[in-house]
C-alpha atoms as a PDB file:
ATOM      1  CA  UNK A   1      18.601  22.100  -1.534  1.00  0.00           C
ATOM      2  CA  UNK A   2      17.261  18.822  -2.904  1.00  0.00           C
ATOM      3  CA  UNK A   3      15.454  19.037  -6.228  1.00  0.00           C
ATOM      4  CA  UNK A   4      12.431  16.985  -5.136  1.00  0.00           C
ATOM      5  CA  UNK A   5       9.434  17.024  -7.509  1.00  0.00           C
ATOM      6  CA  UNK A   6       7.381  14.111  -6.146  1.00  0.00           C
ATOM      7  CA  UNK A   7       6.732  12.820  -2.615  1.00  0.00           C
ATOM      8  CA  UNK A   8       5.126   9.365  -2.312  1.00  0.00           C
ATOM      9  CA  UNK A   9       3.866   8.338   1.106  1.00  0.00           C
ATOM     10  CA  UNK A  10       2.607   5.111   2.569  1.00  0.00           C
ATOM     11  CA  UNK A  11      -0.446   5.754   4.772  1.00  0.00           C
ATOM     12  CA  UNK A  12      -0.849   3.308   7.681  1.00  0.00           C
ATOM     13  CA  UNK A  13       2.058   3.580  10.111  1.00  0.00           C
ATOM     14  CA  UNK A  14       3.650   6.339   8.014  1.00  0.00           C
ATOM     15  CA  UNK A  15       1.603   9.422   7.117  1.00  0.00           C
ATOM     16  CA  UNK A  16      -1.193   8.371   9.486  1.00  0.00           C
ATOM     17  CA  UNK A  17      -0.576   7.756  13.185  1.00  0.00           C
ATOM     18  CA  UNK A  18      -1.530   4.538  14.960  1.00  0.00           C
ATOM     19  CA  UNK A  19      -5.105   5.846  15.374  1.00  0.00           C
ATOM     20  CA  UNK A  20      -5.283   6.330  11.572  1.00  0.00           C
ATOM     21  CA  UNK A  21      -5.296  10.130  11.999  1.00  0.00           C
ATOM     22  CA  UNK A  22      -3.431  12.763   9.960  1.00  0.00           C
ATOM     23  CA  UNK A  23      -1.570  15.123  12.282  1.00  0.00           C
ATOM     24  CA  UNK A  24      -1.748  18.879  11.754  1.00  0.00           C
ATOM     25  CA  UNK A  25       2.070  18.952  11.374  1.00  0.00           C
ATOM     26  CA  UNK A  26       2.025  16.381   8.584  1.00  0.00           C
ATOM     27  CA  UNK A  27      -0.923  18.049   6.861  1.00  0.00           C
ATOM     28  CA  UNK A  28       0.771  21.476   6.963  1.00  0.00           C
ATOM     29  CA  UNK A  29       4.042  20.056   5.589  1.00  0.00           C
ATOM     30  CA  UNK A  30       2.233  18.388   2.669  1.00  0.00           C
ATOM     31  CA  UNK A  31       0.304  21.584   1.904  1.00  0.00           C
ATOM     32  CA  UNK A  32       3.515  23.620   1.905  1.00  0.00           C
ATOM     33  CA  UNK A  33       5.317  21.163  -0.396  1.00  0.00           C
ATOM     34  CA  UNK A  34       2.320  21.131  -2.755  1.00  0.00           C
ATOM     35  CA  UNK A  35       2.320  24.950  -2.831  1.00  0.00           C
ATOM     36  CA  UNK A  36       5.958  24.740  -3.948  1.00  0.00           C
ATOM     37  CA  UNK A  37       4.959  22.573  -6.914  1.00  0.00           C
ATOM     38  CA  UNK A  38       5.820  19.162  -5.468  1.00  0.00           C
ATOM     39  CA  UNK A  39       3.445  16.345  -6.438  1.00  0.00           C
ATOM     40  CA  UNK A  40       2.036  14.706  -3.263  1.00  0.00           C
ATOM     41  CA  UNK A  41       1.184  11.049  -3.921  1.00  0.00           C
ATOM     42  CA  UNK A  42      -0.349   8.650  -1.371  1.00  0.00           C
ATOM     43  CA  UNK A  43       1.118   5.157  -1.959  1.00  0.00           C
ATOM     44  CA  UNK A  44      -0.962   2.512  -0.258  1.00  0.00           C
ATOM     45  CA  UNK A  45      -1.934  -1.141  -0.206  1.00  0.00           C
ATOM     46  CA  UNK A  46      -5.555   0.038  -0.127  1.00  0.00           C
ATOM     47  CA  UNK A  47      -7.668   0.770  -3.199  1.00  0.00           C
ATOM     48  CA  UNK A  48      -8.598   4.419  -3.854  1.00  0.00           C
ATOM     49  CA  UNK A  49     -12.125   4.282  -2.394  1.00  0.00           C
ATOM     50  CA  UNK A  50     -10.710   2.514   0.669  1.00  0.00           C
ATOM     51  CA  UNK A  51      -8.378   5.389   1.531  1.00  0.00           C
ATOM     52  CA  UNK A  52      -9.388   7.473   4.579  1.00  0.00           C
ATOM     53  CA  UNK A  53     -11.604  10.441   3.722  1.00  0.00           C
ATOM     54  CA  UNK A  54      -9.069  12.818   5.290  1.00  0.00           C
ATOM     55  CA  UNK A  55      -6.551  11.787   2.589  1.00  0.00           C
ATOM     56  CA  UNK A  56      -9.068  11.813  -0.268  1.00  0.00           C
ATOM     57  CA  UNK A  57     -10.133  15.313   0.812  1.00  0.00           C
ATOM     58  CA  UNK A  58      -6.631  16.778   0.417  1.00  0.00           C
ATOM     59  CA  UNK A  59      -7.138  19.273  -2.426  1.00  0.00           C
ATOM     60  CA  UNK A  60      -3.627  18.920  -3.838  1.00  0.00           C
ATOM     61  CA  UNK A  61      -3.617  15.126  -4.364  1.00  0.00           C
ATOM     62  CA  UNK A  62      -3.870  14.463  -8.106  1.00  0.00           C
ATOM     63  CA  UNK A  63      -2.343  10.946  -8.303  1.00  0.00           C
ATOM     64  CA  UNK A  64      -2.631   7.925  -6.014  1.00  0.00           C
ATOM     65  CA  UNK A  65      -0.509   4.775  -6.068  1.00  0.00           C
ATOM     66  CA  UNK A  66      -2.992   2.175  -4.854  1.00  0.00           C
ATOM     67  CA  UNK A  67      -3.087  -1.560  -4.178  1.00  0.00           C
ATOM     68  CA  UNK A  68       0.721  -1.764  -3.697  1.00  0.00           C
ATOM     69  CA  UNK A  69       1.272  -0.334  -7.171  1.00  0.00           C
ATOM     70  CA  UNK A  70      -1.293  -2.456  -9.028  1.00  0.00           C
ATOM     71  CA  UNK A  71      -2.913   0.847 -10.031  1.00  0.00           C
ATOM     72  CA  UNK A  72      -1.729   4.417 -10.451  1.00  0.00           C
ATOM     73  CA  UNK A  73      -4.934   6.435 -10.358  1.00  0.00           C
ATOM     74  CA  UNK A  74      -5.530   9.942 -11.729  1.00  0.00           C
ATOM     75  CA  UNK A  75      -8.054  11.435  -9.285  1.00  0.00           C
ATOM     76  CA  UNK A  76      -8.834  14.432 -11.497  1.00  0.00           C
ATOM     77  CA  UNK A  77      -9.766  12.388 -14.569  1.00  0.00           C
ATOM     78  CA  UNK A  78     -10.973   9.251 -12.773  1.00  0.00           C
ATOM     79  CA  UNK A  79      -8.592   7.255 -14.959  1.00  0.00           C
ATOM     80  CA  UNK A  80      -5.896   4.620 -14.502  1.00  0.00           C
ATOM     81  CA  UNK A  81      -2.458   5.904 -15.537  1.00  0.00           C
ATOM     82  CA  UNK A  82      -0.964   2.406 -15.412  1.00  0.00           C
ATOM     83  CA  UNK A  83      -1.660  -0.886 -13.693  1.00  0.00           C
ATOM     84  CA  UNK A  84      -0.731  -4.531 -13.366  1.00  0.00           C
ATOM     85  CA  UNK A  85      -3.019  -7.400 -12.410  1.00  0.00           C
ATOM     86  CA  UNK A  86      -2.816 -11.099 -11.504  1.00  0.00           C
ATOM     87  CA  UNK A  87      -4.404 -13.245 -14.259  1.00  0.00           C
ATOM     88  CA  UNK A  88      -7.762 -14.509 -12.960  1.00  0.00           C
ATOM     89  CA  UNK A  89      -6.848 -18.201 -13.186  1.00  0.00           C
ATOM     90  CA  UNK A  90      -3.588 -17.635 -11.290  1.00  0.00           C
ATOM     91  CA  UNK A  91      -5.562 -15.762  -8.623  1.00  0.00           C
ATOM     92  CA  UNK A  92      -7.849 -18.781  -8.217  1.00  0.00           C
ATOM     93  CA  UNK A  93      -4.756 -21.009  -7.696  1.00  0.00           C
ATOM     94  CA  UNK A  94      -3.545 -18.719  -4.882  1.00  0.00           C
ATOM     95  CA  UNK A  95      -6.982 -18.821  -3.254  1.00  0.00           C
ATOM     96  CA  UNK A  96      -7.043 -22.617  -3.468  1.00  0.00           C
ATOM     97  CA  UNK A  97      -3.721 -22.603  -1.587  1.00  0.00           C
ATOM     98  CA  UNK A  98      -5.162 -20.330   1.113  1.00  0.00           C
ATOM     99  CA  UNK A  99      -8.112 -22.733   1.444  1.00  0.00           C
ATOM    100  CA  UNK A 100      -5.650 -25.288   2.863  1.00  0.00           C
ATOM    101  CA  UNK A 101      -4.549 -22.886   5.653  1.00  0.00           C
ATOM    102  CA  UNK A 102      -6.084 -21.401   8.783  1.00  0.00           C
ATOM    103  CA  UNK A 103      -6.737 -17.979   7.295  1.00  0.00           C
ATOM    104  CA  UNK A 104      -9.416 -15.752   5.807  1.00  0.00           C
ATOM    105  CA  UNK A 105      -8.689 -14.044   2.496  1.00  0.00           C
ATOM    106  CA  UNK A 106     -10.148 -11.548   0.062  1.00  0.00           C
ATOM    107  CA  UNK A 107      -9.203  -9.883  -3.202  1.00  0.00           C
ATOM    108  CA  UNK A 108      -9.277  -6.474  -4.816  1.00  0.00           C
ATOM    109  CA  UNK A 109     -10.779  -6.330  -8.287  1.00  0.00           C
ATOM    110  CA  UNK A 110     -11.926  -3.258 -10.214  1.00  0.00           C
ATOM    111  CA  UNK A 111     -10.966  -0.995  -7.307  1.00  0.00           C
ATOM    112  CA  UNK A 112     -13.085  -2.755  -4.685  1.00  0.00           C
ATOM    113  CA  UNK A 113     -12.766  -5.584  -2.138  1.00  0.00           C
ATOM    114  CA  UNK A 114     -14.515  -8.970  -2.459  1.00  0.00           C
ATOM    115  CA  UNK A 115     -14.680 -11.854   0.007  1.00  0.00           C
ATOM    116  CA  UNK A 116     -16.391 -15.233   0.366  1.00  0.00           C
ATOM    117  CA  UNK A 117     -19.363 -14.725   2.702  1.00  0.00           C
ATOM    118  CA  UNK A 118     -18.362 -17.588   5.019  1.00  0.00           C
ATOM    119  CA  UNK A 119     -14.947 -15.960   5.578  1.00  0.00           C
ATOM    120  CA  UNK A 120     -16.420 -12.458   5.847  1.00  0.00           C
ATOM    121  CA  UNK A 121     -18.660 -13.660   8.676  1.00  0.00           C
ATOM    122  CA  UNK A 122     -15.698 -14.837  10.772  1.00  0.00           C
ATOM    123  CA  UNK A 123     -13.334 -11.955   9.996  1.00  0.00           C
ATOM    124  CA  UNK A 124     -13.325 -10.780  13.632  1.00  0.00           C
ATOM    125  CA  UNK A 125     -11.399 -13.954  14.564  1.00  0.00           C
ATOM    126  CA  UNK A 126      -8.577 -12.945  12.201  1.00  0.00           C
ATOM    127  CA  UNK A 127      -8.519  -9.133  12.242  1.00  0.00           C
ATOM    128  CA  UNK A 128      -5.403  -7.687  13.904  1.00  0.00           C
ATOM    129  CA  UNK A 129      -7.355  -4.944  15.675  1.00  0.00           C
ATOM    130  CA  UNK A 130     -10.599  -2.984  15.585  1.00  0.00           C
ATOM    131  CA  UNK A 131      -9.330  -0.691  12.782  1.00  0.00           C
ATOM    132  CA  UNK A 132      -8.487  -3.691  10.619  1.00  0.00           C
ATOM    133  CA  UNK A 133     -11.878  -5.311  11.280  1.00  0.00           C
ATOM    134  CA  UNK A 134     -13.728  -2.082  10.424  1.00  0.00           C
ATOM    135  CA  UNK A 135     -11.854  -1.859   7.115  1.00  0.00           C
ATOM    136  CA  UNK A 136     -12.633  -5.472   6.223  1.00  0.00           C
ATOM    137  CA  UNK A 137     -16.330  -5.071   7.032  1.00  0.00           C
ATOM    138  CA  UNK A 138     -16.708  -1.714   5.294  1.00  0.00           C
ATOM    139  CA  UNK A 139     -14.575  -2.255   2.207  1.00  0.00           C
ATOM    140  CA  UNK A 140     -15.450  -5.816   1.169  1.00  0.00           C
ATOM    141  CA  UNK A 141     -18.589  -7.076  -0.536  1.00  0.00           C
ATOM    142  CA  UNK A 142     -19.374 -10.651   0.528  1.00  0.00           C
ATOM    143  CA  UNK A 143     -20.115 -13.073  -2.326  1.00  0.00           C
ATOM    144  CA  UNK A 144     -21.287 -16.713  -2.042  1.00  0.00           C
ATOM    145  CA  UNK A 145     -17.890 -18.086  -3.175  1.00  0.00           C
ATOM    146  CA  UNK A 146     -15.024 -15.845  -4.255  1.00  0.00           C
ATOM    147  CA  UNK A 147     -13.187 -18.329  -6.499  1.00  0.00           C
ATOM    148  CA  UNK A 148     -16.375 -19.037  -8.447  1.00  0.00           C
ATOM    149  CA  UNK A 149     -17.026 -15.317  -8.718  1.00  0.00           C
ATOM    150  CA  UNK A 150     -13.528 -14.670 -10.136  1.00  0.00           C
ATOM    151  CA  UNK A 151     -13.883 -17.579 -12.552  1.00  0.00           C
ATOM    152  CA  UNK A 152     -17.206 -16.230 -13.784  1.00  0.00           C
ATOM    153  CA  UNK A 153     -15.877 -12.695 -14.326  1.00  0.00           C
ATOM    154  CA  UNK A 154     -12.657 -13.888 -15.970  1.00  0.00           C
ATOM    155  CA  UNK A 155     -10.936 -10.534 -15.361  1.00  0.00           C
ATOM    156  CA  UNK A 156      -7.637  -9.787 -13.617  1.00  0.00           C
ATOM    157  CA  UNK A 157      -7.259  -9.409  -9.856  1.00  0.00           C
ATOM    158  CA  UNK A 158      -5.378  -6.429  -8.416  1.00  0.00           C
ATOM    159  CA  UNK A 159      -4.433  -8.015  -5.078  1.00  0.00           C
ATOM    160  CA  UNK A 160      -5.112 -11.042  -2.872  1.00  0.00           C
ATOM    161  CA  UNK A 161      -4.829 -10.599   0.875  1.00  0.00           C
ATOM    162  CA  UNK A 162      -4.898 -13.169   3.676  1.00  0.00           C
ATOM    163  CA  UNK A 163      -5.208 -12.587   7.432  1.00  0.00           C
ATOM    164  CA  UNK A 164      -3.651 -14.979   9.947  1.00  0.00           C
ATOM    165  CA  UNK A 165      -4.195 -15.604  13.654  1.00  0.00           C
ATOM    166  CA  UNK A 166      -1.235 -18.003  13.920  1.00  0.00           C
ATOM    167  CA  UNK A 167       1.877 -15.830  13.508  1.00  0.00           C
ATOM    168  CA  UNK A 168       4.185 -18.850  13.142  1.00  0.00           C
ATOM    169  CA  UNK A 169       2.099 -20.054  10.207  1.00  0.00           C
ATOM    170  CA  UNK A 170       2.237 -16.573   8.681  1.00  0.00           C
ATOM    171  CA  UNK A 171       6.036 -16.458   9.046  1.00  0.00           C
ATOM    172  CA  UNK A 172       6.283 -19.906   7.437  1.00  0.00           C
ATOM    173  CA  UNK A 173       4.043 -18.867   4.517  1.00  0.00           C
ATOM    174  CA  UNK A 174       6.006 -15.647   3.946  1.00  0.00           C
ATOM    175  CA  UNK A 175       8.943 -17.952   3.164  1.00  0.00           C
ATOM    176  CA  UNK A 176       7.027 -20.635   1.228  1.00  0.00           C
ATOM    177  CA  UNK A 177       4.660 -18.634  -0.959  1.00  0.00           C
ATOM    178  CA  UNK A 178       7.364 -16.816  -2.991  1.00  0.00           C
ATOM    179  CA  UNK A 179       8.777 -20.250  -3.891  1.00  0.00           C
ATOM    180  CA  UNK A 180       5.341 -21.665  -4.741  1.00  0.00           C
ATOM    181  CA  UNK A 181       4.298 -18.595  -6.758  1.00  0.00           C
ATOM    182  CA  UNK A 182       7.576 -17.188  -8.168  1.00  0.00           C
ATOM    183  CA  UNK A 183       5.677 -15.188 -10.792  1.00  0.00           C
ATOM    184  CA  UNK A 184       3.966 -13.106  -8.088  1.00  0.00           C
ATOM    185  CA  UNK A 185       5.088 -10.652  -5.386  1.00  0.00           C
ATOM    186  CA  UNK A 186       4.477 -11.735  -1.787  1.00  0.00           C
ATOM    187  CA  UNK A 187       4.634  -9.010   0.835  1.00  0.00           C
ATOM    188  CA  UNK A 188       2.941  -7.683   3.983  1.00  0.00           C
ATOM    189  CA  UNK A 189       1.731  -4.326   5.284  1.00  0.00           C
ATOM    190  CA  UNK A 190       0.221  -5.055   8.716  1.00  0.00           C
ATOM    191  CA  UNK A 191       1.212  -7.336  11.569  1.00  0.00           C
ATOM    192  CA  UNK A 192      -0.892 -10.353  10.570  1.00  0.00           C
ATOM    193  CA  UNK A 193      -1.449 -10.213   6.823  1.00  0.00           C
ATOM    194  CA  UNK A 194       0.122 -11.491   3.612  1.00  0.00           C
ATOM    195  CA  UNK A 195      -0.472  -9.608   0.360  1.00  0.00           C
ATOM    196  CA  UNK A 196       0.013 -10.981  -3.142  1.00  0.00           C
ATOM    197  CA  UNK A 197       0.301  -8.869  -6.287  1.00  0.00           C
ATOM    198  CA  UNK A 198       1.466  -9.316  -9.836  1.00  0.00           C
ATOM    199  CA  UNK A 199       5.236  -9.251 -10.315  1.00  0.00           C
ATOM    200  CA  UNK A 200       5.047  -5.758 -11.854  1.00  0.00           C
ATOM    201  CA  UNK A 201       2.798  -4.344  -9.122  1.00  0.00           C
ATOM    202  CA  UNK A 202       5.195  -2.845  -6.593  1.00  0.00           C
ATOM    203  CA  UNK A 203       5.186   0.631  -5.103  1.00  0.00           C
ATOM    204  CA  UNK A 204       8.693   1.127  -6.503  1.00  0.00           C
ATOM    205  CA  UNK A 205       7.631   0.345 -10.082  1.00  0.00           C
ATOM    206  CA  UNK A 206       4.592   2.603  -9.670  1.00  0.00           C
ATOM    207  CA  UNK A 207       6.729   5.542  -8.472  1.00  0.00           C
ATOM    208  CA  UNK A 208       9.050   5.013 -11.446  1.00  0.00           C
ATOM    209  CA  UNK A 209       6.165   4.860 -13.940  1.00  0.00           C
ATOM    210  CA  UNK A 210       4.436   7.896 -12.455  1.00  0.00           C
ATOM    211  CA  UNK A 211       7.692   9.885 -12.536  1.00  0.00           C
ATOM    212  CA  UNK A 212       8.057   9.011 -16.236  1.00  0.00           C
ATOM    213  CA  UNK A 213       4.416  10.013 -16.832  1.00  0.00           C
ATOM    214  CA  UNK A 214       5.164  13.399 -15.208  1.00  0.00           C
ATOM    215  CA  UNK A 215       8.376  13.822 -17.188  1.00  0.00           C
ATOM    216  CA  UNK A 216      10.682  13.766 -14.169  1.00  0.00           C
ATOM    217  CA  UNK A 217      13.427  11.445 -12.966  1.00  0.00           C
ATOM    218  CA  UNK A 218      12.762   8.926 -10.204  1.00  0.00           C
ATOM    219  CA  UNK A 219      15.814  10.457  -8.518  1.00  0.00           C
ATOM    220  CA  UNK A 220      13.611  13.524  -7.938  1.00  0.00           C
ATOM    221  CA  UNK A 221      11.226  11.443  -5.837  1.00  0.00           C
ATOM    222  CA  UNK A 222      11.194  11.265  -2.039  1.00  0.00           C
ATOM    223  CA  UNK A 223       9.373   8.294  -0.524  1.00  0.00           C
ATOM    224  CA  UNK A 224       8.204   7.364   2.977  1.00  0.00           C
ATOM    225  CA  UNK A 225       7.326   3.938   4.411  1.00  0.00           C
ATOM    226  CA  UNK A 226       7.336   1.596   7.376  1.00  0.00           C
ATOM    227  CA  UNK A 227       6.679  -1.944   6.115  1.00  0.00           C
ATOM    228  CA  UNK A 228       7.893  -4.548   3.627  1.00  0.00           C
ATOM    229  CA  UNK A 229       5.628  -3.405   0.795  1.00  0.00           C
ATOM    230  CA  UNK A 230       7.373   0.006   0.962  1.00  0.00           C
ATOM    231  CA  UNK A 231      10.936  -1.256   0.448  1.00  0.00           C
ATOM    232  CA  UNK A 232      10.877  -1.104  -3.376  1.00  0.00           C
ATOM    233  CA  UNK A 233       9.926   2.572  -3.418  1.00  0.00           C
ATOM    234  CA  UNK A 234      12.460   3.480  -0.719  1.00  0.00           C
ATOM    235  CA  UNK A 235      15.181   1.846  -2.818  1.00  0.00           C
ATOM    236  CA  UNK A 236      14.172   3.423  -6.155  1.00  0.00           C
ATOM    237  CA  UNK A 237      13.667   7.018  -5.005  1.00  0.00           C
ATOM    238  CA  UNK A 238      16.318   9.708  -4.764  1.00  0.00           C
ATOM    239  CA  UNK A 239      15.557   9.897  -1.038  1.00  0.00           C
ATOM    240  CA  UNK A 240      13.951   6.944   0.755  1.00  0.00           C
ATOM    241  CA  UNK A 241      12.765   7.665   4.301  1.00  0.00           C
ATOM    242  CA  UNK A 242      11.863   4.966   6.839  1.00  0.00           C
ATOM    243  CA  UNK A 243       9.729   5.774   9.854  1.00  0.00           C
ATOM    244  CA  UNK A 244      11.087   5.332  13.376  1.00  0.00           C
ATOM    245  CA  UNK A 245       8.447   2.609  13.839  1.00  0.00           C
ATOM    246  CA  UNK A 246       9.522   0.773  10.659  1.00  0.00           C
ATOM    247  CA  UNK A 247      10.799  -2.805  10.508  1.00  0.00           C
ATOM    248  CA  UNK A 248      14.589  -3.167  10.629  1.00  0.00           C
ATOM    249  CA  UNK A 249      14.721  -4.381   7.022  1.00  0.00           C
ATOM    250  CA  UNK A 250      12.827  -1.284   5.923  1.00  0.00           C
ATOM    251  CA  UNK A 251      15.249   0.956   7.829  1.00  0.00           C
ATOM    252  CA  UNK A 252      18.178  -0.774   6.118  1.00  0.00           C
ATOM    253  CA  UNK A 253      16.649  -0.033   2.696  1.00  0.00           C
ATOM    254  CA  UNK A 254      16.229   3.674   3.507  1.00  0.00           C
ATOM    255  CA  UNK A 255      18.587   6.625   3.130  1.00  0.00           C
ATOM    256  CA  UNK A 256      17.251   8.226   6.297  1.00  0.00           C
ATOM    257  CA  UNK A 257      15.259   7.213   9.380  1.00  0.00           C
ATOM    258  CA  UNK A 258      12.865   9.809  10.763  1.00  0.00           C
ATOM    259  CA  UNK A 259      10.686  10.011  13.902  1.00  0.00           C
ATOM    260  CA  UNK A 260       7.818   7.540  14.255  1.00  0.00           C
ATOM    261  CA  UNK A 261       4.311   7.958  12.861  1.00  0.00           C
ATOM    262  CA  UNK A 262       2.954   9.187  16.203  1.00  0.00           C
ATOM    263  CA  UNK A 263       5.508  12.033  16.262  1.00  0.00           C
ATOM    264  CA  UNK A 264       4.801  13.427  12.764  1.00  0.00           C
ATOM    265  CA  UNK A 265       7.941  11.807  11.350  1.00  0.00           C
ATOM    266  CA  UNK A 266       6.885  12.714   7.798  1.00  0.00           C
ATOM    267  CA  UNK A 267       6.850  16.447   8.582  1.00  0.00           C
ATOM    268  CA  UNK A 268      10.182  16.158  10.426  1.00  0.00           C
ATOM    269  CA  UNK A 269      11.940  14.539   7.439  1.00  0.00           C
ATOM    270  CA  UNK A 270      10.402  16.964   4.947  1.00  0.00           C
ATOM    271  CA  UNK A 271      11.665  19.867   7.041  1.00  0.00           C
ATOM    272  CA  UNK A 272      15.123  18.230   7.253  1.00  0.00           C
ATOM    273  CA  UNK A 273      15.479  17.684   3.495  1.00  0.00           C
ATOM    274  CA  UNK A 274      13.416  20.470   1.946  1.00  0.00           C
ATOM    275  CA  UNK A 275      13.654  23.393   4.307  1.00  0.00           C
ATOM    276  CA  UNK A 276      16.712  22.663   6.460  1.00  0.00           C
ATOM    277  CA  UNK A 277      18.473  25.915   5.518  1.00  0.00           C
ATOM    278  CA  UNK A 278      15.701  28.076   7.005  1.00  0.00           C
END
């Protein structure tokens, strides 16, 4: 029997299926684990208000790792447990770089999404699919010019995200940007995006900090993911589980590979590790 006290789960492509739905099997497994005293923690690139209602409605979710670890949010108290942001002037430099590329970009600040109106109005040309477009349109407030807005506010940025339609350009920038901005973390969570966070803002660091906050060891954490922004938490946890639909690099970082997100792979792995003797 594994002494697991915390389960952190990526959402898109992991806990949720490809239609962004939570299966009954996954929901039942989470409820059972929670009833056994295990902390259930969504760990997402999204901000808290951008999480699907079906996840926010789960009665046993007390903590959320949001924005790739830029914020650990206490749902009960409406407070930030810990966080890490990109300095505003550094964020403007990243945006200036994206201005030279064929991309649209936005940022998360104060737990919400912001986007230059001109880019917001052509988001459908860059969205990977209808789900992605709906999220952009619903969870971003257009402003006349984002860089000017950030400069005026002079407060830190939780994440910058760019969407590409040229996949070769995206692949090239995934290599170049970490060299150009070595003080930041460059990652990705969907097929056509690039996400940039502060160096400290990783899901792995957030799991570690939350475990410390709860007075448990990170070795008592079990984590689930499918994409590059999940690798740090798969590596740090006692048990790191990659989905069957995960990238090969993610699978290599994991201790175990489960079924894919459309076959309730989360529930299958929880059963394997937590209740296998039954």
